[in-house]
Amino acid sequence: MIDFVKGKIDELTPATAVIECAGGVGYALNISLNTYSAIQDKQEVKLYVYEAIREDAWVLFGFASKAERELFLLLLTVSGVGGNTARMVLSSFSVSELATIITENNDRLLATVKGLGKKTAQKIILELKDKVASLVETPSDSLAMGSVPVAFNKEVHDEAVEALKMLGFPPAPTSKVVKGILTEDPDAPIEKVIKLALKML
């Protein structure tokens, strides 16, 4: 079992990270926007790992903090929530935000995550409410919105659309939504664009 990988960032997008470790081996990991925000300005990182081993695939998920991985694993215990859905939830909210949403029974806000639905949101709250109390206040896991300067809106648009496409959204309507967001807020960082798009698609 792989607990973590530590090494140089070889490739990085808002949805994936390729980490080159000792011996020249590169591990491709699926990441959330929270992890992307935490590591995007670093050259070397340590990501905590969850391995999803299936008959047809071996998929790695990477997390910048143990708290995010812990919450990811808790989400997986809820019936109807798989790895990609859990990652989408953690791309929509920081660890502390999501823990607060769950403890405050805010199923309406949780249900805004694409593909989740109100029933699943309620199930997440019901099953995890007593398990996330320790994660409510985790300042280091908060996503610092607006901290990344944006040079070219087209670059932000293309990267956001590509990231959302990797999350399973069709490119045409995704591009339209992202353009609308950037039209209203031309200086929006990519994390903010993707978060808003996830709520609108």
Protein backbone atom coordinates (compact mmCIF):
# COMPACT_ATOMS: atom_id res chain seq x y z
CA MET A 1 0.00 0.00 0.00
CA ILE A 2 1.25 3.47 -0.92
CA ASP A 3 0.81 5.92 1.98
CA PHE A 4 2.39 8.96 0.32
CA VAL A 5 4.60 10.03 -2.57
CA LYS A 6 7.29 12.66 -2.24
CA GLY A 7 9.14 14.23 -5.10
CA LYS A 8 9.30 16.82 -7.85
CA ILE A 9 6.19 18.03 -9.65
CA ASP A 10 6.63 16.95 -13.27
CA GLU A 11 3.15 17.91 -14.51
CA LEU A 12 0.30 19.73 -12.79
CA THR A 13 -3.28 20.60 -13.73
CA PRO A 14 -6.25 21.47 -11.48
CA ALA A 15 -7.31 17.82 -11.71
CA THR A 16 -4.06 15.81 -11.85
CA ALA A 17 -0.49 15.85 -10.61
CA VAL A 18 2.44 13.79 -11.84
CA ILE A 19 5.09 13.43 -9.13
CA GLU A 20 8.58 12.20 -10.06
CA CYS A 21 9.98 10.15 -7.20
CA ALA A 22 13.32 8.47 -6.55
CA GLY A 23 14.52 6.28 -9.38
CA GLY A 24 12.82 8.37 -12.03
CA VAL A 25 9.35 6.88 -11.43
CA GLY A 26 6.44 9.25 -12.04
CA TYR A 27 3.15 8.73 -10.23
CA ALA A 28 -0.01 10.22 -11.75
CA LEU A 29 -2.50 11.22 -9.07
CA ASN A 30 -6.01 12.60 -9.27
CA ILE A 31 -6.26 15.70 -7.07
CA SER A 32 -8.87 18.17 -5.86
CA LEU A 33 -8.79 21.93 -6.31
CA ASN A 34 -7.79 22.27 -2.67
CA THR A 35 -4.66 20.19 -3.24
CA TYR A 36 -3.95 21.99 -6.51
CA SER A 37 -4.09 25.33 -4.69
CA ALA A 38 -1.80 24.06 -1.96
CA ILE A 39 0.95 22.77 -4.26
CA GLN A 40 0.81 24.88 -7.42
CA ASP A 41 3.68 27.19 -6.41
CA LYS A 42 5.96 24.40 -5.17
CA GLN A 43 8.62 22.41 -6.98
CA GLU A 44 8.70 19.43 -4.62
CA VAL A 45 5.73 18.10 -2.69
CA LYS A 46 4.51 15.32 -0.46
CA LEU A 47 1.06 13.99 -1.31
CA TYR A 48 -0.85 11.50 0.80
CA VAL A 49 -2.29 8.72 -1.32
CA TYR A 50 -5.45 6.67 -1.62
CA GLU A 51 -5.30 3.69 -3.99
CA ALA A 52 -8.47 2.72 -5.85
CA ILE A 53 -7.73 -0.74 -7.25
CA ARG A 54 -10.30 -2.18 -9.63
CA GLU A 55 -10.28 -5.03 -12.14
CA ASP A 56 -9.84 -2.63 -15.03
CA ALA A 57 -7.77 0.14 -13.44
CA TRP A 58 -5.40 1.20 -10.68
CA VAL A 59 -6.18 4.81 -9.82
CA LEU A 60 -4.29 6.99 -7.34
CA PHE A 61 -5.78 9.98 -5.54
CA GLY A 62 -3.39 12.50 -3.96
CA PHE A 63 -3.99 14.92 -1.10
CA ALA A 64 -1.92 17.80 0.25
CA SER A 65 -3.02 17.04 3.82
CA LYS A 66 -3.99 14.02 5.90
CA ALA A 67 -7.20 15.84 6.86
CA GLU A 68 -8.33 16.00 3.23
CA ARG A 69 -7.56 12.32 2.70
CA GLU A 70 -9.41 11.46 5.89
CA LEU A 71 -12.51 13.32 4.72
CA PHE A 72 -12.21 11.72 1.27
CA LEU A 73 -12.17 8.26 2.88
CA LEU A 74 -15.18 9.16 5.01
CA LEU A 75 -17.09 10.25 1.91
CA LEU A 76 -16.31 6.90 0.28
CA THR A 77 -18.04 5.08 3.14
CA VAL A 78 -21.35 6.65 2.10
CA SER A 79 -23.34 4.51 -0.32
CA GLY A 80 -23.51 6.14 -3.75
CA VAL A 81 -20.34 8.20 -3.35
CA GLY A 82 -17.36 7.07 -5.43
CA GLY A 83 -13.87 8.45 -5.86
CA ASN A 84 -14.68 11.01 -8.55
CA THR A 85 -17.75 12.26 -6.69
CA ALA A 86 -15.76 12.60 -3.47
CA ARG A 87 -13.06 14.52 -5.34
CA MET A 88 -15.69 16.82 -6.83
CA VAL A 89 -17.09 17.51 -3.36
CA LEU A 90 -13.59 18.36 -2.12
CA SER A 91 -13.05 20.59 -5.16
CA SER A 92 -16.20 22.54 -4.29
CA PHE A 93 -15.41 23.06 -0.60
CA SER A 94 -12.32 23.11 1.59
CA VAL A 95 -11.98 20.52 4.35
CA SER A 96 -13.12 22.92 7.05
CA GLU A 97 -15.97 24.27 4.90
CA LEU A 98 -17.27 20.79 4.14
CA ALA A 99 -16.98 19.70 7.77
CA THR A 100 -18.95 22.78 8.81
CA ILE A 101 -21.61 22.13 6.16
CA ILE A 102 -22.05 18.58 7.42
CA THR A 103 -22.16 19.48 11.12
CA GLU A 104 -24.65 22.29 10.45
CA ASN A 105 -26.95 20.02 8.39
CA ASN A 106 -26.67 22.30 5.35
CA ASP A 107 -27.90 19.76 2.80
CA ARG A 108 -29.05 22.53 0.44
CA LEU A 109 -25.50 23.85 -0.01
CA LEU A 110 -23.99 20.37 -0.21
CA ALA A 111 -26.51 19.36 -2.88
CA THR A 112 -25.16 22.11 -5.18
CA VAL A 113 -22.24 19.82 -6.01
CA LYS A 114 -22.74 18.49 -9.54
CA GLY A 115 -24.19 14.98 -9.58
CA LEU A 116 -24.69 14.71 -5.84
CA GLY A 117 -28.41 15.38 -5.40
CA LYS A 118 -30.33 16.20 -2.24
CA LYS A 119 -30.86 12.60 -1.10
CA THR A 120 -27.16 11.77 -1.28
CA ALA A 121 -26.30 15.07 0.40
CA GLN A 122 -28.67 14.24 3.24
CA LYS A 123 -27.17 10.74 3.50
CA ILE A 124 -23.65 12.20 3.74
CA ILE A 125 -24.74 14.51 6.53
CA LEU A 126 -26.59 11.79 8.41
CA GLU A 127 -23.74 9.28 8.25
CA LEU A 128 -20.76 11.62 8.73
CA LYS A 129 -22.03 14.30 11.10
CA ASP A 130 -20.51 12.72 14.19
CA LYS A 131 -17.27 11.86 12.41
CA VAL A 132 -16.17 15.25 11.06
CA ALA A 133 -16.33 17.45 14.16
CA SER A 134 -12.55 17.46 14.52
CA LEU A 135 -12.17 18.78 10.98
CA VAL A 136 -14.38 21.87 11.31
CA GLU A 137 -11.52 24.19 12.18
CA THR A 138 -8.58 23.43 9.95
CA PRO A 139 -7.23 26.80 8.76
CA SER A 140 -4.32 25.23 6.85
CA ASP A 141 -6.80 23.42 4.62
CA SER A 142 -8.73 26.54 3.64
CA LEU A 143 -8.58 27.45 -0.01
CA ALA A 144 -7.08 30.92 -0.45
CA MET A 145 -9.29 32.26 -3.19
CA GLY A 146 -7.81 34.99 -5.35
CA SER A 147 -4.23 34.25 -4.34
CA VAL A 148 -3.09 33.35 -7.84
CA PRO A 149 -2.55 36.14 -10.34
CA VAL A 150 -4.02 35.48 -13.77
CA ALA A 151 -2.03 36.61 -16.79
CA PHE A 152 -4.21 35.51 -19.71
CA ASN A 153 -7.92 34.78 -19.50
CA LYS A 154 -7.71 32.42 -22.47
CA GLU A 155 -5.19 30.30 -20.60
CA VAL A 156 -7.49 30.20 -17.58
CA HIS A 157 -10.44 29.30 -19.81
CA ASP A 158 -8.61 26.48 -21.60
CA GLU A 159 -7.16 25.01 -18.40
CA ALA A 160 -10.51 25.20 -16.59
CA VAL A 161 -12.36 23.52 -19.47
CA GLU A 162 -9.71 20.78 -19.67
CA ALA A 163 -9.90 20.15 -15.92
CA LEU A 164 -13.69 19.98 -15.99
CA LYS A 165 -13.56 17.69 -19.02
CA MET A 166 -11.35 15.33 -17.00
CA LEU A 167 -14.01 15.39 -14.31
CA GLY A 168 -16.55 14.16 -16.85
CA PHE A 169 -18.21 17.32 -18.16
CA PRO A 170 -18.80 17.79 -21.93
CA PRO A 171 -16.54 20.49 -23.41
CA ALA A 172 -19.12 22.58 -25.30
CA PRO A 173 -21.46 23.56 -22.44
CA THR A 174 -18.48 23.70 -20.09
CA SER A 175 -16.72 26.22 -22.31
CA LYS A 176 -19.87 28.36 -22.40
CA VAL A 177 -20.18 28.40 -18.61
CA VAL A 178 -16.48 29.18 -18.11
CA LYS A 179 -16.64 32.03 -20.63
CA GLY A 180 -19.62 33.47 -18.77
CA ILE A 181 -17.74 33.36 -15.46
CA LEU A 182 -14.66 35.03 -16.94
CA THR A 183 -16.80 37.67 -18.63
CA GLU A 184 -18.23 38.71 -15.27
CA ASP A 185 -14.92 38.37 -13.43
CA PRO A 186 -11.99 38.64 -15.87
CA ASP A 187 -9.40 38.40 -13.09
CA ALA A 188 -10.85 35.28 -11.45
CA PRO A 189 -8.17 32.67 -10.60
CA ILE A 190 -8.64 29.22 -12.08
CA GLU A 191 -9.66 27.64 -8.75
CA LYS A 192 -12.54 30.11 -8.43
CA VAL A 193 -13.59 29.60 -12.06
CA ILE A 194 -13.75 25.82 -11.64
CA LYS A 195 -15.58 26.05 -8.32
CA LEU A 196 -18.23 28.32 -9.82
CA ALA A 197 -18.52 26.14 -12.92
CA LEU A 198 -19.06 23.02 -10.78
CA LYS A 199 -22.09 24.70 -9.25
CA MET A 200 -23.49 25.82 -12.61
CA LEU A 201 -23.00 22.79 -14.84
